[in-house]
C-alpha atoms as a PDB file:
ATOM      1  CA  MET A   1     -28.001  -1.734   6.656  1.00  0.00           C
ATOM      2  CA  LEU A   2     -27.754  -3.306   3.018  1.00  0.00           C
ATOM      3  CA  ARG A   3     -31.085  -4.215   2.133  1.00  0.00           C
ATOM      4  CA  SER A   4     -31.972  -3.390  -1.721  1.00  0.00           C
ATOM      5  CA  VAL A   5     -29.897  -4.039  -4.352  1.00  0.00           C
ATOM      6  CA  SER A   6     -30.644  -2.760  -7.822  1.00  0.00           C
ATOM      7  CA  VAL A   7     -28.416  -3.789 -10.718  1.00  0.00           C
ATOM      8  CA  LEU A   8     -28.000  -1.888 -13.917  1.00  0.00           C
ATOM      9  CA  VAL A   9     -27.673  -3.659 -17.195  1.00  0.00           C
ATOM     10  CA  LEU A  10     -26.449  -2.114 -20.444  1.00  0.00           C
ATOM     11  CA  PRO A  11     -25.743  -3.325 -23.974  1.00  0.00           C
ATOM     12  CA  GLU A  12     -22.573  -5.092 -24.201  1.00  0.00           C
ATOM     13  CA  LEU A  13     -22.832  -6.560 -20.771  1.00  0.00           C
ATOM     14  CA  ALA A  14     -20.175  -8.828 -19.382  1.00  0.00           C
ATOM     15  CA  VAL A  15     -21.961 -12.213 -18.310  1.00  0.00           C
ATOM     16  CA  PHE A  16     -19.442 -13.312 -15.652  1.00  0.00           C
ATOM     17  CA  GLU A  17     -19.364  -9.904 -13.742  1.00  0.00           C
ATOM     18  CA  PHE A  18     -23.188  -9.728 -13.996  1.00  0.00           C
ATOM     19  CA  GLY A  19     -23.092 -13.525 -12.523  1.00  0.00           C
ATOM     20  CA  VAL A  20     -21.047 -12.028  -9.882  1.00  0.00           C
ATOM     21  CA  LEU A  21     -23.432  -9.753  -8.764  1.00  0.00           C
ATOM     22  CA  THR A  22     -26.430 -12.077  -8.876  1.00  0.00           C
ATOM     23  CA  GLU A  23     -24.502 -14.731  -6.914  1.00  0.00           C
ATOM     24  CA  VAL A  24     -23.478 -12.468  -4.116  1.00  0.00           C
ATOM     25  CA  PHE A  25     -26.628 -10.436  -3.955  1.00  0.00           C
ATOM     26  CA  GLY A  26     -29.549 -12.128  -5.864  1.00  0.00           C
ATOM     27  CA  LEU A  27     -29.624 -15.593  -4.323  1.00  0.00           C
ATOM     28  CA  ASP A  28     -31.769 -16.649  -1.364  1.00  0.00           C
ATOM     29  CA  ARG A  29     -29.554 -18.010   1.340  1.00  0.00           C
ATOM     30  CA  SER A  30     -32.368 -17.945   4.171  1.00  0.00           C
ATOM     31  CA  ASP A  31     -31.836 -21.460   4.579  1.00  0.00           C
ATOM     32  CA  ASP A  32     -28.367 -20.916   6.061  1.00  0.00           C
ATOM     33  CA  GLY A  33     -29.611 -17.798   8.249  1.00  0.00           C
ATOM     34  CA  LEU A  34     -28.499 -15.371   5.632  1.00  0.00           C
ATOM     35  CA  PRO A  35     -30.205 -12.076   4.956  1.00  0.00           C
ATOM     36  CA  VAL A  36     -32.177 -12.053   1.468  1.00  0.00           C
ATOM     37  CA  PHE A  37     -31.596  -8.858  -0.480  1.00  0.00           C
ATOM     38  CA  ASP A  38     -34.492  -7.056  -2.299  1.00  0.00           C
ATOM     39  CA  PHE A  39     -32.800  -7.700  -5.401  1.00  0.00           C
ATOM     40  CA  LYS A  40     -33.616  -5.872  -9.129  1.00  0.00           C
ATOM     41  CA  VAL A  41     -32.209  -6.161 -12.089  1.00  0.00           C
ATOM     42  CA  CYS A  42     -32.712  -2.734 -13.880  1.00  0.00           C
ATOM     43  CA  GLY A  43     -32.372  -1.933 -17.987  1.00  0.00           C
ATOM     44  CA  PRO A  44     -33.225   1.262 -20.136  1.00  0.00           C
ATOM     45  CA  GLU A  45     -36.670  -0.350 -20.449  1.00  0.00           C
ATOM     46  CA  ALA A  46     -38.310  -3.133 -18.377  1.00  0.00           C
ATOM     47  CA  GLY A  47     -38.724  -6.314 -20.489  1.00  0.00           C
ATOM     48  CA  VAL A  48     -36.611  -5.221 -23.492  1.00  0.00           C
ATOM     49  CA  PRO A  49     -33.511  -7.835 -23.913  1.00  0.00           C
ATOM     50  CA  ILE A  50     -30.230  -6.472 -23.224  1.00  0.00           C
ATOM     51  CA  THR A  51     -27.737  -8.180 -25.503  1.00  0.00           C
ATOM     52  CA  THR A  52     -24.496  -9.378 -23.764  1.00  0.00           C
ATOM     53  CA  GLY A  53     -20.723  -9.870 -24.948  1.00  0.00           C
ATOM     54  CA  GLY A  54     -21.437 -13.606 -24.295  1.00  0.00           C
ATOM     55  CA  GLY A  55     -24.015 -14.347 -26.865  1.00  0.00           C
ATOM     56  CA  VAL A  56     -27.085 -14.471 -24.864  1.00  0.00           C
ATOM     57  CA  ASP A  57     -29.586 -12.146 -23.734  1.00  0.00           C
ATOM     58  CA  VAL A  58     -30.591 -10.668 -20.247  1.00  0.00           C
ATOM     59  CA  VAL A  59     -34.088  -9.566 -19.900  1.00  0.00           C
ATOM     60  CA  PRO A  60     -34.341  -7.003 -16.921  1.00  0.00           C
ATOM     61  CA  ARG A  61     -37.723  -7.059 -15.084  1.00  0.00           C
ATOM     62  CA  TYR A  62     -37.382  -3.183 -13.971  1.00  0.00           C
ATOM     63  CA  GLY A  63     -36.554  -0.013 -15.717  1.00  0.00           C
ATOM     64  CA  LEU A  64     -34.453   2.880 -14.611  1.00  0.00           C
ATOM     65  CA  ASP A  65     -36.920   3.879 -12.074  1.00  0.00           C
ATOM     66  CA  ALA A  66     -36.239   1.066  -9.887  1.00  0.00           C
ATOM     67  CA  LEU A  67     -32.600   2.648  -9.235  1.00  0.00           C
ATOM     68  CA  ALA A  68     -34.068   5.050  -7.082  1.00  0.00           C
ATOM     69  CA  GLY A  69     -34.207   4.332  -3.553  1.00  0.00           C
ATOM     70  CA  ALA A  70     -32.128   1.358  -3.582  1.00  0.00           C
ATOM     71  CA  ASP A  71     -29.434   0.942  -0.893  1.00  0.00           C
ATOM     72  CA  LEU A  72     -26.935  -0.247  -3.421  1.00  0.00           C
ATOM     73  CA  VAL A  73     -26.725   0.265  -7.315  1.00  0.00           C
ATOM     74  CA  ALA A  74     -24.322  -1.980  -8.710  1.00  0.00           C
ATOM     75  CA  ILE A  75     -23.179  -1.512 -12.355  1.00  0.00           C
ATOM     76  CA  GLY A  76     -21.409  -4.454 -14.281  1.00  0.00           C
ATOM     77  CA  ALA A  77     -18.847  -4.491 -17.072  1.00  0.00           C
ATOM     78  CA  THR A  78     -19.923  -3.324 -20.320  1.00  0.00           C
ATOM     79  CA  GLY A  79     -18.232  -2.539 -23.653  1.00  0.00           C
ATOM     80  CA  LEU A  80     -20.339   0.393 -23.960  1.00  0.00           C
ATOM     81  CA  ARG A  81     -18.552   3.814 -23.695  1.00  0.00           C
ATOM     82  CA  HIS A  82     -21.368   6.298 -24.460  1.00  0.00           C
ATOM     83  CA  TYR A  83     -24.861   6.323 -22.907  1.00  0.00           C
ATOM     84  CA  ASP A  84     -28.299   7.583 -23.080  1.00  0.00           C
ATOM     85  CA  PRO A  85     -28.834  10.709 -21.116  1.00  0.00           C
ATOM     86  CA  GLU A  86     -31.698   9.071 -19.266  1.00  0.00           C
ATOM     87  CA  VAL A  87     -29.468   6.165 -18.010  1.00  0.00           C
ATOM     88  CA  LEU A  88     -26.758   8.876 -16.566  1.00  0.00           C
ATOM     89  CA  ASP A  89     -29.556  10.997 -15.231  1.00  0.00           C
ATOM     90  CA  ALA A  90     -30.904   7.816 -13.209  1.00  0.00           C
ATOM     91  CA  VAL A  91     -27.372   7.264 -11.954  1.00  0.00           C
ATOM     92  CA  ARG A  92     -26.831  10.558 -10.845  1.00  0.00           C
ATOM     93  CA  SER A  93     -30.192  10.741  -8.897  1.00  0.00           C
ATOM     94  CA  ALA A  94     -29.679   7.252  -7.441  1.00  0.00           C
ATOM     95  CA  ALA A  95     -26.101   8.609  -5.921  1.00  0.00           C
ATOM     96  CA  ALA A  96     -27.779  12.024  -4.953  1.00  0.00           C
ATOM     97  CA  GLY A  97     -30.553  10.026  -3.053  1.00  0.00           C
ATOM     98  CA  GLY A  98     -27.747   8.223  -1.030  1.00  0.00           C
ATOM     99  CA  ALA A  99     -27.409   4.902  -2.664  1.00  0.00           C
ATOM    100  CA  THR A 100     -23.873   3.221  -2.290  1.00  0.00           C
ATOM    101  CA  MET A 101     -22.381   3.012  -5.956  1.00  0.00           C
ATOM    102  CA  LEU A 102     -20.679  -0.188  -6.921  1.00  0.00           C
ATOM    103  CA  SER A 103     -18.981  -0.962 -10.434  1.00  0.00           C
ATOM    104  CA  ILE A 104     -17.142  -3.995 -11.497  1.00  0.00           C
ATOM    105  CA  CYS A 105     -14.470  -3.341 -14.168  1.00  0.00           C
ATOM    106  CA  SER A 106     -15.564  -1.090 -17.061  1.00  0.00           C
ATOM    107  CA  GLY A 107     -18.774  -0.317 -15.141  1.00  0.00           C
ATOM    108  CA  VAL A 108     -16.782   2.574 -13.682  1.00  0.00           C
ATOM    109  CA  PHE A 109     -16.867   4.315 -16.977  1.00  0.00           C
ATOM    110  CA  VAL A 110     -20.515   4.708 -16.342  1.00  0.00           C
ATOM    111  CA  LEU A 111     -19.916   6.403 -13.215  1.00  0.00           C
ATOM    112  CA  GLY A 112     -17.397   8.515 -14.814  1.00  0.00           C
ATOM    113  CA  ALA A 113     -19.982   9.594 -17.547  1.00  0.00           C
ATOM    114  CA  ALA A 114     -22.528  10.415 -14.779  1.00  0.00           C
ATOM    115  CA  GLY A 115     -20.034  12.832 -13.452  1.00  0.00           C
ATOM    116  CA  LEU A 116     -19.348  10.787 -10.266  1.00  0.00           C
ATOM    117  CA  LEU A 117     -15.506  10.254 -10.559  1.00  0.00           C
ATOM    118  CA  SER A 118     -14.370  13.782  -9.825  1.00  0.00           C
ATOM    119  CA  GLY A 119     -11.744  13.564  -7.161  1.00  0.00           C
ATOM    120  CA  ARG A 120     -12.605   9.926  -6.077  1.00  0.00           C
ATOM    121  CA  ARG A 121     -10.367   7.128  -5.741  1.00  0.00           C
ATOM    122  CA  CYS A 122     -11.345   4.235  -8.117  1.00  0.00           C
ATOM    123  CA  THR A 123     -10.101   1.435 -10.132  1.00  0.00           C
ATOM    124  CA  VAL A 124     -10.752  -0.803 -13.166  1.00  0.00           C
ATOM    125  CA  HIS A 125      -9.324  -3.924 -14.894  1.00  0.00           C
ATOM    126  CA  TRP A 126      -5.494  -3.138 -15.639  1.00  0.00           C
ATOM    127  CA  LYS A 127      -6.349  -3.026 -19.477  1.00  0.00           C
ATOM    128  CA  HIS A 128      -8.711  -0.028 -19.126  1.00  0.00           C
ATOM    129  CA  ALA A 129      -6.563   1.909 -16.840  1.00  0.00           C
ATOM    130  CA  GLN A 130      -4.980   4.207 -19.158  1.00  0.00           C
ATOM    131  CA  GLU A 131      -8.308   4.831 -21.373  1.00  0.00           C
ATOM    132  CA  LEU A 132     -10.197   5.632 -17.894  1.00  0.00           C
ATOM    133  CA  ARG A 133      -7.485   8.177 -17.013  1.00  0.00           C
ATOM    134  CA  GLU A 134      -7.696   9.731 -20.220  1.00  0.00           C
ATOM    135  CA  ALA A 135     -11.355   9.870 -20.302  1.00  0.00           C
ATOM    136  CA  HIS A 136     -11.629  10.893 -16.653  1.00  0.00           C
ATOM    137  CA  PRO A 137      -8.733  12.950 -15.816  1.00  0.00           C
ATOM    138  CA  GLU A 138     -10.413  14.360 -12.737  1.00  0.00           C
ATOM    139  CA  ALA A 139     -10.491  10.591 -11.162  1.00  0.00           C
ATOM    140  CA  VAL A 140      -7.790   9.121  -8.981  1.00  0.00           C
ATOM    141  CA  VAL A 141      -7.247   5.798 -10.757  1.00  0.00           C
ATOM    142  CA  GLU A 142      -5.326   3.249  -8.670  1.00  0.00           C
ATOM    143  CA  GLU A 143      -4.661   0.711 -11.608  1.00  0.00           C
ATOM    144  CA  ASP A 144      -3.187  -2.018  -9.537  1.00  0.00           C
ATOM    145  CA  ALA A 145      -5.680  -2.385  -6.555  1.00  0.00           C
ATOM    146  CA  LEU A 146      -8.060  -5.418  -6.621  1.00  0.00           C
ATOM    147  CA  PHE A 147     -10.918  -2.818  -5.541  1.00  0.00           C
ATOM    148  CA  VAL A 148     -11.036   0.649  -3.940  1.00  0.00           C
ATOM    149  CA  ASP A 149     -13.457   1.881  -1.191  1.00  0.00           C
ATOM    150  CA  ASP A 150     -14.052   5.263  -1.529  1.00  0.00           C
ATOM    151  CA  GLY A 151     -16.860   5.566   1.085  1.00  0.00           C
ATOM    152  CA  ASP A 152     -20.393   5.586  -0.936  1.00  0.00           C
ATOM    153  CA  MET A 153     -18.339   4.429  -3.992  1.00  0.00           C
ATOM    154  CA  ILE A 154     -16.598   1.002  -4.346  1.00  0.00           C
ATOM    155  CA  THR A 155     -15.086  -0.053  -7.836  1.00  0.00           C
ATOM    156  CA  GLY A 156     -13.800  -3.525  -8.471  1.00  0.00           C
ATOM    157  CA  ALA A 157     -11.022  -4.322 -11.071  1.00  0.00           C
ATOM    158  CA  GLY A 158     -13.056  -6.981 -12.927  1.00  0.00           C
ATOM    159  CA  THR A 159     -13.583 -10.612 -13.001  1.00  0.00           C
ATOM    160  CA  ALA A 160     -12.554 -12.203  -9.905  1.00  0.00           C
ATOM    161  CA  ALA A 161     -11.767  -8.859  -8.316  1.00  0.00           C
ATOM    162  CA  GLY A 162     -15.425  -8.132  -8.593  1.00  0.00           C
ATOM    163  CA  ILE A 163     -16.095 -10.723  -6.148  1.00  0.00           C
ATOM    164  CA  ASP A 164     -13.677  -9.260  -3.693  1.00  0.00           C
ATOM    165  CA  ALA A 165     -15.266  -5.893  -4.209  1.00  0.00           C
ATOM    166  CA  CYS A 166     -18.725  -7.459  -3.306  1.00  0.00           C
ATOM    167  CA  LEU A 167     -17.851  -9.346  -0.600  1.00  0.00           C
ATOM    168  CA  HIS A 168     -15.821  -6.201   1.112  1.00  0.00           C
ATOM    169  CA  LEU A 169     -18.919  -4.310   0.772  1.00  0.00           C
ATOM    170  CA  VAL A 170     -21.247  -7.112   2.491  1.00  0.00           C
ATOM    171  CA  ARG A 171     -18.430  -7.335   4.955  1.00  0.00           C
ATOM    172  CA  ARG A 172     -18.240  -3.584   5.669  1.00  0.00           C
ATOM    173  CA  GLU A 173     -22.349  -3.179   5.772  1.00  0.00           C
ATOM    174  CA  MET A 174     -23.208  -6.411   7.528  1.00  0.00           C
ATOM    175  CA  GLY A 175     -20.157  -7.937   9.297  1.00  0.00           C
ATOM    176  CA  SER A 176     -17.959 -10.960   9.143  1.00  0.00           C
ATOM    177  CA  ALA A 177     -20.620 -13.646  10.053  1.00  0.00           C
ATOM    178  CA  VAL A 178     -22.908 -12.575   6.865  1.00  0.00           C
ATOM    179  CA  VAL A 179     -19.746 -12.424   4.465  1.00  0.00           C
ATOM    180  CA  ASN A 180     -18.276 -15.601   5.723  1.00  0.00           C
ATOM    181  CA  GLY A 181     -21.716 -17.288   5.074  1.00  0.00           C
ATOM    182  CA  ILE A 182     -21.823 -15.944   1.555  1.00  0.00           C
ATOM    183  CA  ALA A 183     -18.255 -16.795   0.752  1.00  0.00           C
ATOM    184  CA  ARG A 184     -18.666 -20.355   2.283  1.00  0.00           C
ATOM    185  CA  ARG A 185     -21.690 -20.991  -0.184  1.00  0.00           C
ATOM    186  CA  MET A 186     -19.780 -19.547  -3.084  1.00  0.00           C
ATOM    187  CA  VAL A 187     -16.684 -21.557  -2.158  1.00  0.00           C
ATOM    188  CA  VAL A 188     -14.208 -18.625  -2.307  1.00  0.00           C
ATOM    189  CA  PRO A 189     -12.079 -16.757   0.316  1.00  0.00           C
ATOM    190  CA  PRO A 190     -14.139 -14.254   2.366  1.00  0.00           C
ATOM    191  CA  GLN A 191     -11.808 -11.555   2.025  1.00  0.00           C
ATOM    192  CA  ARG A 192      -8.660 -10.349  -0.165  1.00  0.00           C
ATOM    193  CA  GLU A 193      -7.268  -7.005   0.688  1.00  0.00           C
ATOM    194  CA  GLY A 194      -7.989  -4.190  -1.749  1.00  0.00           C
ATOM    195  CA  GLY A 195      -4.561  -3.099  -1.647  1.00  0.00           C
ATOM    196  CA  GLN A 196      -3.456  -6.579  -3.127  1.00  0.00           C
ATOM    197  CA  ARG A 197      -2.295  -5.885  -6.460  1.00  0.00           C
ATOM    198  CA  GLN A 198      -3.581  -6.907  -9.632  1.00  0.00           C
ATOM    199  CA  PHE A 199      -1.788  -9.688 -11.272  1.00  0.00           C
ATOM    200  CA  ILE A 200      -0.482  -7.660 -14.208  1.00  0.00           C
ATOM    201  CA  GLU A 201       1.804  -9.208 -16.866  1.00  0.00           C
ATOM    202  CA  GLN A 202       4.350  -6.339 -17.455  1.00  0.00           C
ATOM    203  CA  PRO A 203       6.701  -6.903 -20.357  1.00  0.00           C
ATOM    204  CA  VAL A 204      10.417  -5.810 -20.372  1.00  0.00           C
ATOM    205  CA  PRO A 205      10.569  -2.085 -20.897  1.00  0.00           C
ATOM    206  CA  GLU A 206      11.704  -1.448 -24.280  1.00  0.00           C
ATOM    207  CA  CYS A 207      14.416   0.900 -25.540  1.00  0.00           C
ATOM    208  CA  ALA A 208      13.541   3.859 -27.697  1.00  0.00           C
ATOM    209  CA  THR A 209      16.351   3.411 -29.912  1.00  0.00           C
ATOM    210  CA  ASP A 210      19.132   0.967 -30.229  1.00  0.00           C
ATOM    211  CA  SER A 211      21.678   2.789 -28.345  1.00  0.00           C
ATOM    212  CA  LEU A 212      21.374   0.826 -25.223  1.00  0.00           C
ATOM    213  CA  SER A 213      19.864  -2.442 -26.591  1.00  0.00           C
ATOM    214  CA  SER A 214      22.940  -4.071 -26.077  1.00  0.00           C
ATOM    215  CA  VAL A 215      23.418  -2.930 -22.616  1.00  0.00           C
ATOM    216  CA  LEU A 216      19.994  -4.140 -21.613  1.00  0.00           C
ATOM    217  CA  GLU A 217      20.390  -7.477 -23.200  1.00  0.00           C
ATOM    218  CA  TRP A 218      23.516  -7.856 -21.330  1.00  0.00           C
ATOM    219  CA  MET A 219      22.000  -6.784 -17.761  1.00  0.00           C
ATOM    220  CA  THR A 220      19.052  -9.313 -18.349  1.00  0.00           C
ATOM    221  CA  GLU A 221      21.414 -11.974 -19.197  1.00  0.00           C
ATOM    222  CA  ASN A 222      23.422 -11.404 -16.137  1.00  0.00           C
ATOM    223  CA  LEU A 223      20.905 -10.309 -13.257  1.00  0.00           C
ATOM    224  CA  GLN A 224      23.240 -12.169 -10.787  1.00  0.00           C
ATOM    225  CA  VAL A 225      26.077  -9.436 -11.370  1.00  0.00           C
ATOM    226  CA  ASP A 226      26.863  -6.702  -9.070  1.00  0.00           C
ATOM    227  CA  HIS A 227      25.871  -3.893 -11.676  1.00  0.00           C
ATOM    228  CA  THR A 228      27.204  -0.289 -11.083  1.00  0.00           C
ATOM    229  CA  VAL A 229      26.183   2.937 -13.067  1.00  0.00           C
ATOM    230  CA  ALA A 230      29.833   3.385 -13.594  1.00  0.00           C
ATOM    231  CA  ALA A 231      30.379  -0.274 -14.881  1.00  0.00           C
ATOM    232  CA  LEU A 232      27.136   0.160 -16.998  1.00  0.00           C
ATOM    233  CA  ALA A 233      28.357   3.417 -18.496  1.00  0.00           C
ATOM    234  CA  ARG A 234      31.712   1.962 -19.579  1.00  0.00           C
ATOM    235  CA  ARG A 235      30.141  -0.882 -21.267  1.00  0.00           C
ATOM    236  CA  ALA A 236      28.020   1.735 -23.143  1.00  0.00           C
ATOM    237  CA  ALA A 237      31.147   3.944 -23.790  1.00  0.00           C
ATOM    238  CA  MET A 238      29.441   6.791 -22.227  1.00  0.00           C
ATOM    239  CA  SER A 239      30.218   8.994 -19.113  1.00  0.00           C
ATOM    240  CA  GLU A 240      28.239   8.101 -16.049  1.00  0.00           C
ATOM    241  CA  ARG A 241      26.105  11.334 -16.346  1.00  0.00           C
ATOM    242  CA  THR A 242      25.353  10.711 -19.983  1.00  0.00           C
ATOM    243  CA  PHE A 243      24.526   7.029 -19.400  1.00  0.00           C
ATOM    244  CA  ALA A 244      21.990   7.706 -16.531  1.00  0.00           C
ATOM    245  CA  ARG A 245      20.467  10.690 -18.837  1.00  0.00           C
ATOM    246  CA  ARG A 246      20.214   8.621 -21.705  1.00  0.00           C
ATOM    247  CA  PHE A 247      19.022   5.401 -19.786  1.00  0.00           C
ATOM    248  CA  THR A 248      15.951   7.263 -18.547  1.00  0.00           C
ATOM    249  CA  ALA A 249      15.091   9.024 -21.624  1.00  0.00           C
ATOM    250  CA  GLU A 250      15.214   5.622 -23.581  1.00  0.00           C
ATOM    251  CA  THR A 251      13.410   3.432 -21.214  1.00  0.00           C
ATOM    252  CA  GLY A 252      11.399   5.599 -19.027  1.00  0.00           C
ATOM    253  CA  THR A 253      13.096   4.492 -15.763  1.00  0.00           C
ATOM    254  CA  THR A 254      16.297   4.432 -13.591  1.00  0.00           C
ATOM    255  CA  PRO A 255      19.068   1.677 -14.124  1.00  0.00           C
ATOM    256  CA  HIS A 256      17.942   0.777 -10.584  1.00  0.00           C
ATOM    257  CA  ARG A 257      14.410   0.285 -10.805  1.00  0.00           C
ATOM    258  CA  TRP A 258      14.749  -1.203 -14.363  1.00  0.00           C
ATOM    259  CA  LEU A 259      17.200  -3.940 -12.783  1.00  0.00           C
ATOM    260  CA  SER A 260      14.851  -4.605  -9.958  1.00  0.00           C
ATOM    261  CA  ARG A 261      11.798  -5.068 -12.380  1.00  0.00           C
ATOM    262  CA  GLN A 262      13.888  -7.615 -14.330  1.00  0.00           C
ATOM    263  CA  ARG A 263      14.974  -9.496 -11.118  1.00  0.00           C
ATOM    264  CA  VAL A 264      11.352  -9.707 -10.051  1.00  0.00           C
ATOM    265  CA  LEU A 265      10.295 -10.797 -13.403  1.00  0.00           C
ATOM    266  CA  HIS A 266      12.679 -13.609 -13.239  1.00  0.00           C
ATOM    267  CA  ALA A 267      11.864 -14.542 -10.000  1.00  0.00           C
ATOM    268  CA  GLN A 268       8.129 -14.681 -11.029  1.00  0.00           C
ATOM    269  CA  HIS A 269       9.060 -17.181 -13.925  1.00  0.00           C
ATOM    270  CA  LEU A 270      11.178 -19.157 -11.252  1.00  0.00           C
ATOM    271  CA  LEU A 271       8.215 -19.450  -9.008  1.00  0.00           C
ATOM    272  CA  GLU A 272       5.958 -20.434 -11.858  1.00  0.00           C
ATOM    273  CA  GLU A 273       8.178 -23.056 -13.660  1.00  0.00           C
ATOM    274  CA  THR A 274      10.443 -24.550 -11.201  1.00  0.00           C
ATOM    275  CA  ASP A 275      10.564 -26.164  -7.768  1.00  0.00           C
ATOM    276  CA  LEU A 276      13.630 -24.299  -6.486  1.00  0.00           C
ATOM    277  CA  GLY A 277      13.312 -22.854  -2.701  1.00  0.00           C
ATOM    278  CA  MET A 278      13.455 -19.124  -2.063  1.00  0.00           C
ATOM    279  CA  ASP A 279      17.103 -18.674  -1.294  1.00  0.00           C
ATOM    280  CA  ALA A 280      17.731 -20.534  -4.773  1.00  0.00           C
ATOM    281  CA  VAL A 281      15.104 -18.447  -6.574  1.00  0.00           C
ATOM    282  CA  ALA A 282      16.533 -15.281  -4.888  1.00  0.00           C
ATOM    283  CA  HIS A 283      20.008 -15.840  -5.969  1.00  0.00           C
ATOM    284  CA  ARG A 284      19.256 -16.930  -9.585  1.00  0.00           C
ATOM    285  CA  ALA A 285      17.240 -13.755  -9.728  1.00  0.00           C
ATOM    286  CA  GLY A 286      20.012 -11.796  -8.702  1.00  0.00           C
ATOM    287  CA  PHE A 287      18.798 -10.873  -5.060  1.00  0.00           C
ATOM    288  CA  GLY A 288      21.028 -11.433  -2.152  1.00  0.00           C
ATOM    289  CA  GLY A 289      18.712 -13.755  -0.102  1.00  0.00           C
ATOM    290  CA  ALA A 290      15.032 -14.931   0.420  1.00  0.00           C
ATOM    291  CA  ALA A 291      14.669 -11.663   2.489  1.00  0.00           C
ATOM    292  CA  LEU A 292      15.368  -9.250   0.036  1.00  0.00           C
ATOM    293  CA  LEU A 293      13.633 -11.292  -2.543  1.00  0.00           C
ATOM    294  CA  ARG A 294      10.497 -11.086  -0.423  1.00  0.00           C
ATOM    295  CA  HIS A 295      10.807  -7.409   0.212  1.00  0.00           C
ATOM    296  CA  HIS A 296      11.198  -6.435  -3.533  1.00  0.00           C
ATOM    297  CA  PHE A 297       8.709  -8.918  -4.381  1.00  0.00           C
ATOM    298  CA  ARG A 298       6.264  -7.861  -2.225  1.00  0.00           C
ATOM    299  CA  ARG A 299       6.577  -4.240  -3.276  1.00  0.00           C
ATOM    300  CA  ALA A 300       6.639  -4.899  -7.179  1.00  0.00           C
ATOM    301  CA  VAL A 301       3.940  -7.843  -7.230  1.00  0.00           C
ATOM    302  CA  GLY A 302       1.803  -7.227  -4.028  1.00  0.00           C
ATOM    303  CA  VAL A 303       2.014 -10.615  -2.676  1.00  0.00           C
ATOM    304  CA  SER A 304       4.652 -12.771  -1.188  1.00  0.00           C
ATOM    305  CA  PRO A 305       6.755 -15.039  -3.341  1.00  0.00           C
ATOM    306  CA  ALA A 306       5.314 -18.044  -1.503  1.00  0.00           C
ATOM    307  CA  ASP A 307       1.676 -16.926  -2.373  1.00  0.00           C
ATOM    308  CA  TYR A 308       2.385 -16.108  -5.923  1.00  0.00           C
ATOM    309  CA  ARG A 309       3.832 -19.316  -6.388  1.00  0.00           C
ATOM    310  CA  THR A 310       0.627 -21.041  -4.762  1.00  0.00           C
ATOM    311  CA  THR A 311      -1.421 -18.964  -7.263  1.00  0.00           C
ATOM    312  CA  PHE A 312       0.463 -19.402 -10.300  1.00  0.00           C
ATOM    313  CA  ARG A 313       2.466 -22.620  -9.938  1.00  0.00           C
ATOM    314  CA  SER A 314       2.192 -24.613 -13.369  1.00  0.00           C
ATOM    315  CA  PRO A 315       1.260 -28.213 -12.909  1.00  0.00           C
ATOM    316  CA  GLY A 316       3.381 -30.928 -13.910  1.00  0.00           C
ATOM    317  CA  PRO A 317       7.129 -31.737 -14.029  1.00  0.00           C
ATOM    318  CA  ALA A 318       9.212 -28.811 -13.215  1.00  0.00           C
ATOM    319  CA  SER A 319      13.049 -28.209 -12.734  1.00  0.00           C
ATOM    320  CA  THR A 320      14.313 -29.174  -9.228  1.00  0.00           C
ATOM    321  CA  ASP A 321      17.984 -28.087 -10.025  1.00  0.00           C
ATOM    322  CA  SER A 322      19.269 -26.649  -6.918  1.00  0.00           C
ATOM    323  CA  THR A 323      22.459 -25.156  -7.995  1.00  0.00           C
ATOM    324  CA  ASP A 324      22.805 -21.495  -7.176  1.00  0.00           C
ATOM    325  CA  SER A 325      24.762 -18.961  -8.957  1.00  0.00           C
ATOM    326  CA  THR A 326      25.176 -15.798  -6.454  1.00  0.00           C
ATOM    327  CA  GLY A 327      26.391 -12.301  -6.807  1.00  0.00           C
ATOM    328  CA  GLU A 328      28.463 -10.328  -4.997  1.00  0.00           C
ATOM    329  CA  THR A 329      27.293  -8.074  -2.269  1.00  0.00           C
ATOM    330  CA  VAL A 330      25.852  -4.642  -3.676  1.00  0.00           C
ATOM    331  CA  THR A 331      28.374  -1.813  -2.800  1.00  0.00           C
ATOM    332  CA  GLU A 332      27.437   1.860  -2.274  1.00  0.00           C
ATOM    333  CA  ASP A 333      27.715   2.980  -5.707  1.00  0.00           C
ATOM    334  CA  ALA A 334      25.802  -0.125  -7.069  1.00  0.00           C
ATOM    335  CA  VAL A 335      22.524  -0.478  -8.649  1.00  0.00           C
ATOM    336  CA  PRO A 336      20.763  -1.691  -5.845  1.00  0.00           C
ATOM    337  CA  ALA A 337      18.687  -5.198  -6.146  1.00  0.00           C
END
């Protein structure tokens, strides 16, 4: 049972992520029949203000000793990457004492510095994923997850994903009735699956040299065409074998994957900016139909096209042109959609 929660705050604290921890665990909702947590805000020194990244100070009432014995130790996002030995000792001791560890966004770097990420699955905001891998190669970083539950360690990707991580933990430890009550008061969904992808803006992979740039540009402008490796190699004036090898070397991926990604990117744009139906979006993006669009879109983005549109549809007038341009059926030697 989750009864006591100690939140560690450090300089360069991110205000929103700290607010998430306070909102979920620090408010008295007993008037709704919900449990009240023993909630403590802890800093390196009790009573010494912590400067945040939002131009305000947070004054922790408790010191590092209040991490000991807590059921949950939560670490909010911080811009720091180097920490006082006393802070890391307190985090390690709390983990060794049986506390569940929860981090939001860059708070995971504190766990890493304390030596708690070795062989552990974790996540972080996608902007920090490569930094986390380089700083802690012993960690198993799942960069596109909203949150990762690795038993006694839960890591959230950041910002709104921190809400998901906290509510998931409450659901796991205290059941659906409690988490539904908290979520209702927060006016948020009680659950988004951790495996759902972070919405990452992924630019078109660039070519390392100019040798294939004209081919890539032509492919991007003709997503509805039935592209085959043989046809692309002829356009590049190369043998198929040389083209495939050069393509992978210069883009970091295969022609199949590159084309599929561009089609998904174009579908994202259409879902955000137009009112086209799913079949029309599928054809314009180069997929054979709505079913194939859903399959590849969910695999790449982590949600269905319809859910993506609900989340990201731009307000105001949009194109309602329903004219479709369809490509031919992909043949055996084609680059699949």
